């Protein structure tokens, strides 16, 4: 039940933020891009806590809705383990 609620919250947050911050997504510096890439790599390697930290940092700096979605998936996967 909690997984369903978390998923719905993540989807709602994604939709709201995608609509309001799509224009800010193009403001990614090379350092931010590296942080996001590190988060994605860590998620693929199943280091979910570390991945979430990197993706959170990347999302805060970039406001890229795709990164927010990946962060939500990380949180969801952590709850399923």
PDB file of N, CA and C in Angstrom:
ATOM      1  N   UNK A   1       0.820  -1.192   0.000  1.00  0.00           N
ATOM      2  CA  UNK A   1       0.000   0.000   0.000  1.00  0.00           C
ATOM      3  C   UNK A   1       0.862   1.253   0.000  1.00  0.00           C
ATOM      4  N   UNK A   2       1.908   1.271   0.840  1.00  0.00           N
ATOM      5  CA  UNK A   2       2.761   2.451   0.913  1.00  0.00           C
ATOM      6  C   UNK A   2       3.505   2.676  -0.406  1.00  0.00           C
ATOM      7  N   UNK A   3       3.844   1.600  -1.091  1.00  0.00           N
ATOM      8  CA  UNK A   3       4.528   1.719  -2.382  1.00  0.00           C
ATOM      9  C   UNK A   3       3.611   2.398  -3.387  1.00  0.00           C
ATOM     10  N   UNK A   4       2.347   2.056  -3.374  1.00  0.00           N
ATOM     11  CA  UNK A   4       1.383   2.667  -4.288  1.00  0.00           C
ATOM     12  C   UNK A   4       1.259   4.157  -3.990  1.00  0.00           C
ATOM     13  N   UNK A   5       1.188   4.514  -2.729  1.00  0.00           N
ATOM     14  CA  UNK A   5       1.085   5.919  -2.339  1.00  0.00           C
ATOM     15  C   UNK A   5       2.336   6.675  -2.755  1.00  0.00           C
ATOM     16  N   UNK A   6       3.509   6.100  -2.511  1.00  0.00           N
ATOM     17  CA  UNK A   6       4.754   6.750  -2.910  1.00  0.00           C
ATOM     18  C   UNK A   6       4.827   6.932  -4.417  1.00  0.00           C
ATOM     19  N   UNK A   7       4.391   5.933  -5.146  1.00  0.00           N
ATOM     20  CA  UNK A   7       4.392   6.020  -6.607  1.00  0.00           C
ATOM     21  C   UNK A   7       3.472   7.149  -7.074  1.00  0.00           C
ATOM     22  N   UNK A   8       2.290   7.244  -6.489  1.00  0.00           N
ATOM     23  CA  UNK A   8       1.354   8.300  -6.870  1.00  0.00           C
ATOM     24  C   UNK A   8       1.896   9.683  -6.535  1.00  0.00           C
ATOM     25  N   UNK A   9       2.522   9.811  -5.383  1.00  0.00           N
ATOM     26  CA  UNK A   9       3.124  11.084  -4.995  1.00  0.00           C
ATOM     27  C   UNK A   9       4.247  11.451  -5.974  1.00  0.00           C
ATOM     28  N   UNK A  10       5.065  10.476  -6.327  1.00  0.00           N
ATOM     29  CA  UNK A  10       6.159  10.735  -7.259  1.00  0.00           C
ATOM     30  C   UNK A  10       5.634  11.155  -8.623  1.00  0.00           C
ATOM     31  N   UNK A  11       4.603  10.490  -9.096  1.00  0.00           N
ATOM     32  CA  UNK A  11       4.032  10.833 -10.404  1.00  0.00           C
ATOM     33  C   UNK A  11       3.416  12.227 -10.361  1.00  0.00           C
ATOM     34  N   UNK A  12       2.698  12.538  -9.305  1.00  0.00           N
ATOM     35  CA  UNK A  12       2.096  13.859  -9.171  1.00  0.00           C
ATOM     36  C   UNK A  12       3.171  14.942  -9.117  1.00  0.00           C
ATOM     37  N   UNK A  13       4.214  14.707  -8.321  1.00  0.00           N
ATOM     38  CA  UNK A  13       5.305  15.678  -8.233  1.00  0.00           C
ATOM     39  C   UNK A  13       5.973  15.858  -9.583  1.00  0.00           C
ATOM     40  N   UNK A  14       6.173  14.765 -10.279  1.00  0.00           N
ATOM     41  CA  UNK A  14       6.785  14.836 -11.604  1.00  0.00           C
ATOM     42  C   UNK A  14       5.944  15.687 -12.543  1.00  0.00           C
ATOM     43  N   UNK A  15       4.666  15.465 -12.568  1.00  0.00           N
ATOM     44  CA  UNK A  15       3.781  16.206 -13.477  1.00  0.00           C
ATOM     45  C   UNK A  15       3.766  17.690 -13.153  1.00  0.00           C
ATOM     46  N   UNK A  16       3.662  18.020 -11.884  1.00  0.00           N
ATOM     47  CA  UNK A  16       3.620  19.425 -11.476  1.00  0.00           C
ATOM     48  C   UNK A  16       4.933  20.116 -11.813  1.00  0.00           C
ATOM     49  N   UNK A  17       6.025  19.492 -11.457  1.00  0.00           N
ATOM     50  CA  UNK A  17       7.312  20.120 -11.678  1.00  0.00           C
ATOM     51  C   UNK A  17       7.701  20.137 -13.148  1.00  0.00           C
ATOM     52  N   UNK A  18       7.299  19.156 -13.900  1.00  0.00           N
ATOM     53  CA  UNK A  18       7.576  19.150 -15.333  1.00  0.00           C
ATOM     54  C   UNK A  18       6.891  20.326 -16.000  1.00  0.00           C
ATOM     55  N   UNK A  19       5.696  20.626 -15.564  1.00  0.00           N
ATOM     56  CA  UNK A  19       4.947  21.728 -16.157  1.00  0.00           C
ATOM     57  C   UNK A  19       5.534  23.083 -15.778  1.00  0.00           C
ATOM     58  N   UNK A  20       6.085  23.185 -14.575  1.00  0.00           N
ATOM     59  CA  UNK A  20       6.560  24.481 -14.099  1.00  0.00           C
ATOM     60  C   UNK A  20       8.039  24.737 -14.336  1.00  0.00           C
ATOM     61  N   UNK A  21       8.809  23.691 -14.585  1.00  0.00           N
ATOM     62  CA  UNK A  21      10.256  23.905 -14.672  1.00  0.00           C
ATOM     63  C   UNK A  21      10.883  23.392 -15.952  1.00  0.00           C
ATOM     64  N   UNK A  22      10.103  23.125 -16.956  1.00  0.00           N
ATOM     65  CA  UNK A  22      10.659  22.588 -18.200  1.00  0.00           C
ATOM     66  C   UNK A  22      11.653  23.558 -18.825  1.00  0.00           C
ATOM     67  N   UNK A  23      11.420  24.838 -18.676  1.00  0.00           N
ATOM     68  CA  UNK A  23      12.337  25.808 -19.279  1.00  0.00           C
ATOM     69  C   UNK A  23      13.678  25.852 -18.568  1.00  0.00           C
ATOM     70  N   UNK A  24      13.730  25.464 -17.306  1.00  0.00           N
ATOM     71  CA  UNK A  24      14.985  25.493 -16.546  1.00  0.00           C
ATOM     72  C   UNK A  24      15.857  24.271 -16.807  1.00  0.00           C
ATOM     73  N   UNK A  25      15.327  23.265 -17.484  1.00  0.00           N
ATOM     74  CA  UNK A  25      16.056  22.012 -17.662  1.00  0.00           C
ATOM     75  C   UNK A  25      17.295  22.165 -18.524  1.00  0.00           C
ATOM     76  N   UNK A  26      17.370  23.193 -19.331  1.00  0.00           N
ATOM     77  CA  UNK A  26      18.519  23.373 -20.204  1.00  0.00           C
ATOM     78  C   UNK A  26      19.706  24.032 -19.536  1.00  0.00           C
ATOM     79  N   UNK A  27      19.615  24.376 -18.271  1.00  0.00           N
ATOM     80  CA  UNK A  27      20.669  25.100 -17.565  1.00  0.00           C
ATOM     81  C   UNK A  27      21.597  24.155 -16.818  1.00  0.00           C
ATOM     82  N   UNK A  28      22.133  23.147 -17.494  1.00  0.00           N
ATOM     83  CA  UNK A  28      22.960  22.152 -16.836  1.00  0.00           C
ATOM     84  C   UNK A  28      24.428  22.395 -17.162  1.00  0.00           C
ATOM     85  N   UNK A  29      25.223  22.602 -16.115  1.00  0.00           N
ATOM     86  CA  UNK A  29      26.660  22.774 -16.295  1.00  0.00           C
ATOM     87  C   UNK A  29      27.322  21.405 -16.397  1.00  0.00           C
ATOM     88  N   UNK A  30      28.572  21.357 -16.849  1.00  0.00           N
ATOM     89  CA  UNK A  30      29.273  20.063 -16.904  1.00  0.00           C
ATOM     90  C   UNK A  30      29.371  19.381 -15.532  1.00  0.00           C
ATOM     91  N   UNK A  31      29.547  20.150 -14.481  1.00  0.00           N
ATOM     92  CA  UNK A  31      29.634  19.549 -13.137  1.00  0.00           C
ATOM     93  C   UNK A  31      28.304  18.917 -12.730  1.00  0.00           C
ATOM     94  N   UNK A  32      27.207  19.598 -13.036  1.00  0.00           N
ATOM     95  CA  UNK A  32      25.892  19.047 -12.720  1.00  0.00           C
ATOM     96  C   UNK A  32      25.636  17.802 -13.558  1.00  0.00           C
ATOM     97  N   UNK A  33      26.006  17.859 -14.822  1.00  0.00           N
ATOM     98  CA  UNK A  33      25.821  16.698 -15.709  1.00  0.00           C
ATOM     99  C   UNK A  33      26.595  15.488 -15.185  1.00  0.00           C
ATOM    100  N   UNK A  34      27.800  15.709 -14.657  1.00  0.00           N
ATOM    101  CA  UNK A  34      28.593  14.614 -14.079  1.00  0.00           C
ATOM    102  C   UNK A  34      27.906  14.040 -12.839  1.00  0.00           C
ATOM    103  N   UNK A  35      27.363  14.918 -12.006  1.00  0.00           N
ATOM    104  CA  UNK A  35      26.663  14.473 -10.802  1.00  0.00           C
ATOM    105  C   UNK A  35      25.469  13.604 -11.175  1.00  0.00           C
ATOM    106  N   UNK A  36      24.703  14.044 -12.164  1.00  0.00           N
ATOM    107  CA  UNK A  36      23.535  13.284 -12.620  1.00  0.00           C
ATOM    108  C   UNK A  36      23.982  11.958 -13.223  1.00  0.00           C
ATOM    109  N   UNK A  37      25.027  11.980 -14.025  1.00  0.00           N
ATOM    110  CA  UNK A  37      25.539  10.742 -14.624  1.00  0.00           C
ATOM    111  C   UNK A  37      26.009   9.770 -13.540  1.00  0.00           C
ATOM    112  N   UNK A  38      26.659  10.293 -12.511  1.00  0.00           N
ATOM    113  CA  UNK A  38      27.086   9.442 -11.390  1.00  0.00           C
ATOM    114  C   UNK A  38      25.874   8.815 -10.698  1.00  0.00           C
ATOM    115  N   UNK A  39      24.832   9.605 -10.497  1.00  0.00           N
ATOM    116  CA  UNK A  39      23.618   9.088  -9.874  1.00  0.00           C
ATOM    117  C   UNK A  39      22.983   7.984 -10.697  1.00  0.00           C
ATOM    118  N   UNK A  40      22.939   8.178 -12.008  1.00  0.00           N
ATOM    119  CA  UNK A  40      22.370   7.157 -12.892  1.00  0.00           C
ATOM    120  C   UNK A  40      23.196   5.874 -12.857  1.00  0.00           C
ATOM    121  N   UNK A  41      24.516   6.039 -12.859  1.00  0.00           N
ATOM    122  CA  UNK A  41      25.397   4.861 -12.803  1.00  0.00           C
ATOM    123  C   UNK A  41      25.198   4.111 -11.492  1.00  0.00           C
ATOM    124  N   UNK A  42      25.159   4.846 -10.390  1.00  0.00           N
ATOM    125  CA  UNK A  42      24.960   4.220  -9.083  1.00  0.00           C
ATOM    126  C   UNK A  42      23.619   3.494  -9.017  1.00  0.00           C
ATOM    127  N   UNK A  43      22.585   4.066  -9.629  1.00  0.00           N
ATOM    128  CA  UNK A  43      21.275   3.408  -9.648  1.00  0.00           C
ATOM    129  C   UNK A  43      21.342   2.106 -10.437  1.00  0.00           C
ATOM    130  N   UNK A  44      22.041   2.128 -11.580  1.00  0.00           N
ATOM    131  CA  UNK A  44      22.186   0.895 -12.375  1.00  0.00           C
ATOM    132  C   UNK A  44      22.934  -0.175 -11.589  1.00  0.00           C
ATOM    133  N   UNK A  45      23.886   0.257 -10.761  1.00  0.00           N
ATOM    134  CA  UNK A  45      24.673  -0.676  -9.960  1.00  0.00           C
ATOM    135  C   UNK A  45      23.968  -1.052  -8.653  1.00  0.00           C
ATOM    136  N   UNK A  46      22.741  -0.564  -8.473  1.00  0.00           N
ATOM    137  CA  UNK A  46      21.909  -0.870  -7.313  1.00  0.00           C
ATOM    138  C   UNK A  46      22.437  -0.287  -6.002  1.00  0.00           C
ATOM    139  N   UNK A  47      23.181   0.811  -6.100  1.00  0.00           N
ATOM    140  CA  UNK A  47      23.613   1.568  -4.915  1.00  0.00           C
ATOM    141  C   UNK A  47      22.604   2.712  -4.750  1.00  0.00           C
ATOM    142  N   UNK A  48      21.421   2.352  -4.277  1.00  0.00           N
ATOM    143  CA  UNK A  48      20.280   3.256  -4.376  1.00  0.00           C
ATOM    144  C   UNK A  48      20.369   4.474  -3.458  1.00  0.00           C
ATOM    145  N   UNK A  49      20.876   4.326  -2.257  1.00  0.00           N
ATOM    146  CA  UNK A  49      20.987   5.474  -1.350  1.00  0.00           C
ATOM    147  C   UNK A  49      21.954   6.509  -1.916  1.00  0.00           C
ATOM    148  N   UNK A  50      23.098   6.038  -2.403  1.00  0.00           N
ATOM    149  CA  UNK A  50      24.082   6.945  -2.993  1.00  0.00           C
ATOM    150  C   UNK A  50      23.539   7.566  -4.275  1.00  0.00           C
ATOM    151  N   UNK A  51      22.827   6.768  -5.066  1.00  0.00           N
ATOM    152  CA  UNK A  51      22.235   7.270  -6.305  1.00  0.00           C
ATOM    153  C   UNK A  51      21.215   8.360  -6.001  1.00  0.00           C
ATOM    154  N   UNK A  52      20.392   8.122  -4.997  1.00  0.00           N
ATOM    155  CA  UNK A  52      19.372   9.109  -4.632  1.00  0.00           C
ATOM    156  C   UNK A  52      20.016  10.427  -4.207  1.00  0.00           C
ATOM    157  N   UNK A  53      21.109  10.348  -3.465  1.00  0.00           N
ATOM    158  CA  UNK A  53      21.796  11.574  -3.033  1.00  0.00           C
ATOM    159  C   UNK A  53      22.321  12.350  -4.236  1.00  0.00           C
ATOM    160  N   UNK A  54      22.948  11.657  -5.178  1.00  0.00           N
ATOM    161  CA  UNK A  54      23.484  12.314  -6.378  1.00  0.00           C
ATOM    162  C   UNK A  54      22.370  12.888  -7.247  1.00  0.00           C
ATOM    163  N   UNK A  55      21.311  12.096  -7.446  1.00  0.00           N
ATOM    164  CA  UNK A  55      20.209  12.563  -8.279  1.00  0.00           C
ATOM    165  C   UNK A  55      19.479  13.733  -7.630  1.00  0.00           C
ATOM    166  N   UNK A  56      19.357  13.711  -6.319  1.00  0.00           N
ATOM    167  CA  UNK A  56      18.740  14.828  -5.609  1.00  0.00           C
ATOM    168  C   UNK A  56      19.555  16.103  -5.800  1.00  0.00           C
ATOM    169  N   UNK A  57      20.854  15.970  -5.664  1.00  0.00           N
ATOM    170  CA  UNK A  57      21.741  17.114  -5.884  1.00  0.00           C
ATOM    171  C   UNK A  57      21.621  17.617  -7.321  1.00  0.00           C
ATOM    172  N   UNK A  58      21.600  16.680  -8.262  1.00  0.00           N
ATOM    173  CA  UNK A  58      21.471  17.053  -9.669  1.00  0.00           C
ATOM    174  C   UNK A  58      20.147  17.709  -9.971  1.00  0.00           C
ATOM    175  N   UNK A  59      19.074  17.203  -9.376  1.00  0.00           N
ATOM    176  CA  UNK A  59      17.767  17.794  -9.619  1.00  0.00           C
ATOM    177  C   UNK A  59      17.662  19.184  -9.018  1.00  0.00           C
ATOM    178  N   UNK A  60      18.197  19.356  -7.812  1.00  0.00           N
ATOM    179  CA  UNK A  60      18.163  20.666  -7.164  1.00  0.00           C
ATOM    180  C   UNK A  60      18.866  21.713  -8.016  1.00  0.00           C
ATOM    181  N   UNK A  61      19.971  21.318  -8.640  1.00  0.00           N
ATOM    182  CA  UNK A  61      20.732  22.264  -9.450  1.00  0.00           C
ATOM    183  C   UNK A  61      20.134  22.468 -10.841  1.00  0.00           C
ATOM    184  N   UNK A  62      19.586  21.424 -11.429  1.00  0.00           N
ATOM    185  CA  UNK A  62      19.141  21.514 -12.822  1.00  0.00           C
ATOM    186  C   UNK A  62      17.647  21.728 -12.991  1.00  0.00           C
ATOM    187  N   UNK A  63      16.864  21.239 -12.043  1.00  0.00           N
ATOM    188  CA  UNK A  63      15.401  21.256 -12.135  1.00  0.00           C
ATOM    189  C   UNK A  63      14.892  20.525 -13.379  1.00  0.00           C
ATOM    190  N   UNK A  64      15.657  19.519 -13.797  1.00  0.00           N
ATOM    191  CA  UNK A  64      15.286  18.702 -14.954  1.00  0.00           C
ATOM    192  C   UNK A  64      14.264  17.669 -14.499  1.00  0.00           C
ATOM    193  N   UNK A  65      13.050  17.690 -15.059  1.00  0.00           N
ATOM    194  CA  UNK A  65      12.011  16.751 -14.625  1.00  0.00           C
ATOM    195  C   UNK A  65      12.404  15.289 -14.816  1.00  0.00           C
ATOM    196  N   UNK A  66      13.226  14.992 -15.798  1.00  0.00           N
ATOM    197  CA  UNK A  66      13.672  13.613 -16.008  1.00  0.00           C
ATOM    198  C   UNK A  66      14.492  13.127 -14.812  1.00  0.00           C
ATOM    199  N   UNK A  67      15.318  14.006 -14.272  1.00  0.00           N
ATOM    200  CA  UNK A  67      16.126  13.649 -13.098  1.00  0.00           C
ATOM    201  C   UNK A  67      15.215  13.437 -11.890  1.00  0.00           C
ATOM    202  N   UNK A  68      14.193  14.266 -11.759  1.00  0.00           N
ATOM    203  CA  UNK A  68      13.237  14.092 -10.664  1.00  0.00           C
ATOM    204  C   UNK A  68      12.549  12.730 -10.766  1.00  0.00           C
ATOM    205  N   UNK A  69      12.167  12.349 -11.960  1.00  0.00           N
ATOM    206  CA  UNK A  69      11.531  11.049 -12.148  1.00  0.00           C
ATOM    207  C   UNK A  69      12.486   9.920 -11.761  1.00  0.00           C
ATOM    208  N   UNK A  70      13.751  10.016 -12.189  1.00  0.00           N
ATOM    209  CA  UNK A  70      14.735   8.987 -11.847  1.00  0.00           C
ATOM    210  C   UNK A  70      14.949   8.928 -10.336  1.00  0.00           C
ATOM    211  N   UNK A  71      14.925  10.079  -9.685  1.00  0.00           N
ATOM    212  CA  UNK A  71      15.043  10.118  -8.224  1.00  0.00           C
ATOM    213  C   UNK A  71      13.854   9.411  -7.575  1.00  0.00           C
ATOM    214  N   UNK A  72      12.657   9.650  -8.080  1.00  0.00           N
ATOM    215  CA  UNK A  72      11.463   8.984  -7.546  1.00  0.00           C
ATOM    216  C   UNK A  72      11.556   7.470  -7.722  1.00  0.00           C
ATOM    217  N   UNK A  73      12.057   7.035  -8.870  1.00  0.00           N
ATOM    218  CA  UNK A  73      12.223   5.594  -9.106  1.00  0.00           C
ATOM    219  C   UNK A  73      13.226   5.019  -8.111  1.00  0.00           C
ATOM    220  N   UNK A  74      14.282   5.761  -7.833  1.00  0.00           N
ATOM    221  CA  UNK A  74      15.274   5.315  -6.847  1.00  0.00           C
ATOM    222  C   UNK A  74      14.613   5.129  -5.475  1.00  0.00           C
ATOM    223  N   UNK A  75      13.830   6.119  -5.074  1.00  0.00           N
ATOM    224  CA  UNK A  75      13.145   6.020  -3.785  1.00  0.00           C
ATOM    225  C   UNK A  75      12.194   4.837  -3.772  1.00  0.00           C
ATOM    226  N   UNK A  76      11.494   4.641  -4.866  1.00  0.00           N
ATOM    227  CA  UNK A  76      10.562   3.517  -4.951  1.00  0.00           C
ATOM    228  C   UNK A  76      11.312   2.191  -4.834  1.00  0.00           C
ATOM    229  N   UNK A  77      12.423   2.066  -5.537  1.00  0.00           N
ATOM    230  CA  UNK A  77      13.200   0.823  -5.484  1.00  0.00           C
ATOM    231  C   UNK A  77      13.758   0.580  -4.098  1.00  0.00           C
ATOM    232  N   UNK A  78      14.118   1.629  -3.384  1.00  0.00           N
ATOM    233  CA  UNK A  78      14.602   1.465  -2.018  1.00  0.00           C
ATOM    234  C   UNK A  78      13.511   0.905  -1.122  1.00  0.00           C
ATOM    235  N   UNK A  79      12.295   1.334  -1.322  1.00  0.00           N
ATOM    236  CA  UNK A  79      11.178   0.871  -0.510  1.00  0.00           C
ATOM    237  C   UNK A  79      10.802  -0.575  -0.797  1.00  0.00           C
ATOM    238  N   UNK A  80      11.189  -1.073  -1.971  1.00  0.00           N
ATOM    239  CA  UNK A  80      10.824  -2.431  -2.347  1.00  0.00           C
ATOM    240  C   UNK A  80      11.859  -3.444  -1.885  1.00  0.00           C
ATOM    241  N   UNK A  81      13.037  -2.991  -1.470  1.00  0.00           N
ATOM    242  CA  UNK A  81      14.099  -3.910  -1.034  1.00  0.00           C
ATOM    243  C   UNK A  81      13.896  -4.338   0.387  1.00  0.00           C
TER     244      UNK A  81
END
